[in-house]
Protein backbone atom coordinates (compact mmCIF):
# COMPACT_ATOMS: atom_id res chain seq x y z
CA UNK A 1 0.00 0.00 0.00
CA UNK A 2 2.87 2.38 0.75
CA UNK A 3 4.29 1.73 -2.75
CA UNK A 4 0.95 2.65 -4.32
CA UNK A 5 0.75 5.84 -2.25
CA UNK A 6 4.25 6.86 -3.32
CA UNK A 7 3.42 6.26 -6.98
CA UNK A 8 0.22 8.30 -6.74
CA UNK A 9 2.06 11.14 -5.05
CA UNK A 10 4.72 11.09 -7.76
CA UNK A 11 2.08 11.35 -10.48
CA UNK A 12 0.30 14.16 -8.67
CA UNK A 13 3.54 16.14 -8.45
CA UNK A 14 3.81 16.33 -12.25
CA UNK A 15 3.75 19.82 -13.72
CA UNK A 16 0.73 19.01 -15.91
CA UNK A 17 -1.50 19.01 -12.84
CA UNK A 18 -0.48 22.39 -11.44
CA UNK A 19 -3.08 25.10 -11.75
CA UNK A 20 -5.80 22.71 -12.93
CA UNK A 21 -8.92 22.10 -10.89
CA UNK A 22 -9.51 18.74 -12.56
CA UNK A 23 -7.21 16.30 -14.32
CA UNK A 24 -7.86 17.20 -17.94
CA UNK A 25 -4.71 15.57 -19.30
CA UNK A 26 -5.94 12.15 -20.40
CA UNK A 27 -2.47 10.55 -20.35
CA UNK A 28 -1.86 11.64 -16.73
CA UNK A 29 -5.28 10.35 -15.71
CA UNK A 30 -4.66 6.99 -17.43
CA UNK A 31 -1.31 6.70 -15.68
CA UNK A 32 -2.89 7.50 -12.31
CA UNK A 33 -5.66 4.92 -12.80
CA UNK A 34 -3.10 2.37 -14.00
CA UNK A 35 -1.13 2.83 -10.81
CA UNK A 36 -4.15 2.71 -8.53
CA UNK A 37 -5.85 -0.40 -9.96
CA UNK A 38 -4.38 -3.90 -10.01
CA UNK A 39 -5.50 -6.99 -11.94
CA UNK A 40 -8.00 -7.98 -9.24
CA UNK A 41 -9.55 -4.49 -9.36
CA UNK A 42 -9.95 -4.71 -13.16
CA UNK A 43 -11.54 -8.14 -12.82
CA UNK A 44 -14.00 -6.75 -10.26
CA UNK A 45 -14.86 -3.84 -12.55
CA UNK A 46 -15.37 -6.20 -15.49
CA UNK A 47 -17.56 -8.49 -13.38
CA UNK A 48 -19.76 -5.63 -12.18
CA UNK A 49 -20.06 -4.27 -15.72
CA UNK A 50 -20.96 -7.71 -17.02
CA UNK A 51 -23.61 -8.20 -14.33
CA UNK A 52 -25.08 -4.78 -15.02
CA UNK A 53 -25.29 -5.42 -18.76
CA UNK A 54 -26.87 -8.82 -18.13
CA UNK A 55 -29.53 -7.25 -15.91
CA UNK A 56 -30.31 -4.60 -18.53
CA UNK A 57 -30.67 -7.23 -21.26
CA UNK A 58 -32.89 -9.43 -19.11
CA UNK A 59 -35.06 -6.44 -18.15
CA UNK A 60 -35.48 -5.58 -21.83
CA UNK A 61 -36.51 -9.18 -22.58
CA UNK A 62 -39.13 -9.06 -19.82
CA UNK A 63 -40.48 -5.71 -21.08
CA UNK A 64 -40.69 -7.01 -24.66
CA UNK A 65 -42.50 -10.20 -23.56
CA UNK A 66 -45.03 -8.17 -21.57
CA UNK A 67 -45.58 -5.77 -24.50
CA UNK A 68 -46.04 -8.55 -27.03
């Protein structure tokens, strides 16, 4: 955890972030997210996204069956 914190702090010290209220530099933001998330985090995100999409599809099927 300390290693992650040090990496995040190093990214946040970059000149591109000074004077900006939000991170508008896409490359800096991607680097920050890449440092913060590990493989397990990405798998969790993918799983949640998959479950959400599945629920939306199944809801649409139910709505179409009721409307038919």
